[in-house]
C-alpha atoms as a PDB file:
ATOM      1  CA  MET A   1     110.035  97.334 113.814  1.00  0.00           C
ATOM      2  CA  ARG A   2     107.359  96.379 110.915  1.00  0.00           C
ATOM      3  CA  SER A   3     105.256  94.574 113.870  1.00  0.00           C
ATOM      4  CA  ILE A   4     104.943  97.664 115.772  1.00  0.00           C
ATOM      5  CA  LEU A   5     104.401  99.725 112.378  1.00  0.00           C
ATOM      6  CA  TYR A   6     101.194  97.301 112.146  1.00  0.00           C
ATOM      7  CA  VAL A   7     100.129  97.991 115.385  1.00  0.00           C
ATOM      8  CA  PHE A   8     100.354 101.577 115.358  1.00  0.00           C
ATOM      9  CA  ALA A   9      98.664 101.942 112.038  1.00  0.00           C
ATOM     10  CA  VAL A  10      95.560  99.427 113.063  1.00  0.00           C
ATOM     11  CA  ILE A  11      95.306 101.505 116.388  1.00  0.00           C
ATOM     12  CA  LEU A  12      95.100 104.686 114.564  1.00  0.00           C
ATOM     13  CA  ILE A  13      92.810 103.274 111.879  1.00  0.00           C
ATOM     14  CA  ILE A  14      90.601 102.159 114.545  1.00  0.00           C
ATOM     15  CA  GLY A  15      90.472 105.862 116.316  1.00  0.00           C
ATOM     16  CA  TRP A  16      89.460 107.139 113.158  1.00  0.00           C
ATOM     17  CA  LEU A  17      86.317 104.947 112.463  1.00  0.00           C
ATOM     18  CA  ILE A  18      85.588 105.958 116.172  1.00  0.00           C
ATOM     19  CA  GLY A  19      86.062 109.557 115.682  1.00  0.00           C
ATOM     20  CA  VAL A  20      84.443 109.477 112.551  1.00  0.00           C
ATOM     21  CA  PHE A  21      81.131 107.733 113.357  1.00  0.00           C
ATOM     22  CA  ALA A  22      81.061 108.954 116.872  1.00  0.00           C
ATOM     23  CA  TYR A  23      82.258 112.513 117.770  1.00  0.00           C
ATOM     24  CA  SER A  24      83.227 113.901 114.594  1.00  0.00           C
ATOM     25  CA  VAL A  25      86.082 115.891 115.630  1.00  0.00           C
ATOM     26  CA  GLY A  26      87.356 117.598 112.340  1.00  0.00           C
ATOM     27  CA  GLY A  27      90.846 117.440 111.324  1.00  0.00           C
ATOM     28  CA  ILE A  28      92.333 115.778 113.959  1.00  0.00           C
ATOM     29  CA  ILE A  29      90.694 112.425 112.612  1.00  0.00           C
ATOM     30  CA  HIS A  30      92.055 113.056 109.363  1.00  0.00           C
ATOM     31  CA  ILE A  31      95.558 113.693 110.862  1.00  0.00           C
ATOM     32  CA  LEU A  32      94.919 110.149 112.472  1.00  0.00           C
ATOM     33  CA  LEU A  33      94.037 108.514 108.980  1.00  0.00           C
ATOM     34  CA  ILE A  34      97.138 110.052 107.393  1.00  0.00           C
ATOM     35  CA  LEU A  35      99.258 108.693 109.996  1.00  0.00           C
ATOM     36  CA  ALA A  36      97.836 105.658 109.767  1.00  0.00           C
ATOM     37  CA  ILE A  37      98.418 105.111 105.781  1.00  0.00           C
ATOM     38  CA  ILE A  38     101.998 106.432 106.291  1.00  0.00           C
ATOM     39  CA  SER A  39     102.915 104.119 109.180  1.00  0.00           C
ATOM     40  CA  LEU A  40     101.294 101.383 106.307  1.00  0.00           C
ATOM     41  CA  LEU A  41     103.236 102.207 103.209  1.00  0.00           C
ATOM     42  CA  LEU A  42     106.211 102.558 105.437  1.00  0.00           C
ATOM     43  CA  GLY A  43     105.979  98.910 106.504  1.00  0.00           C
ATOM     44  CA  ILE A  44     105.402  97.767 102.974  1.00  0.00           C
ATOM     45  CA  ILE A  45     108.444  99.641 101.909  1.00  0.00           C
ATOM     46  CA  ARG A  46     110.916  98.259 104.561  1.00  0.00           C
ATOM     47  CA  ARG A  47     109.888  94.539 103.641  1.00  0.00           C
ATOM     48  CA  THR A  48     110.903  94.829 100.530  1.00  0.00           C
END
């Protein structure tokens, strides 16, 4: 389950970076970043 969360987080961070530099869509980009951070935090919390 941890690896799935990390893959999901990496995909969301990459999507966020592409959105910020290429499209500047607005709120959706920030939602992607928040979801990626939450996924990383869940992975760290579950590991301990």
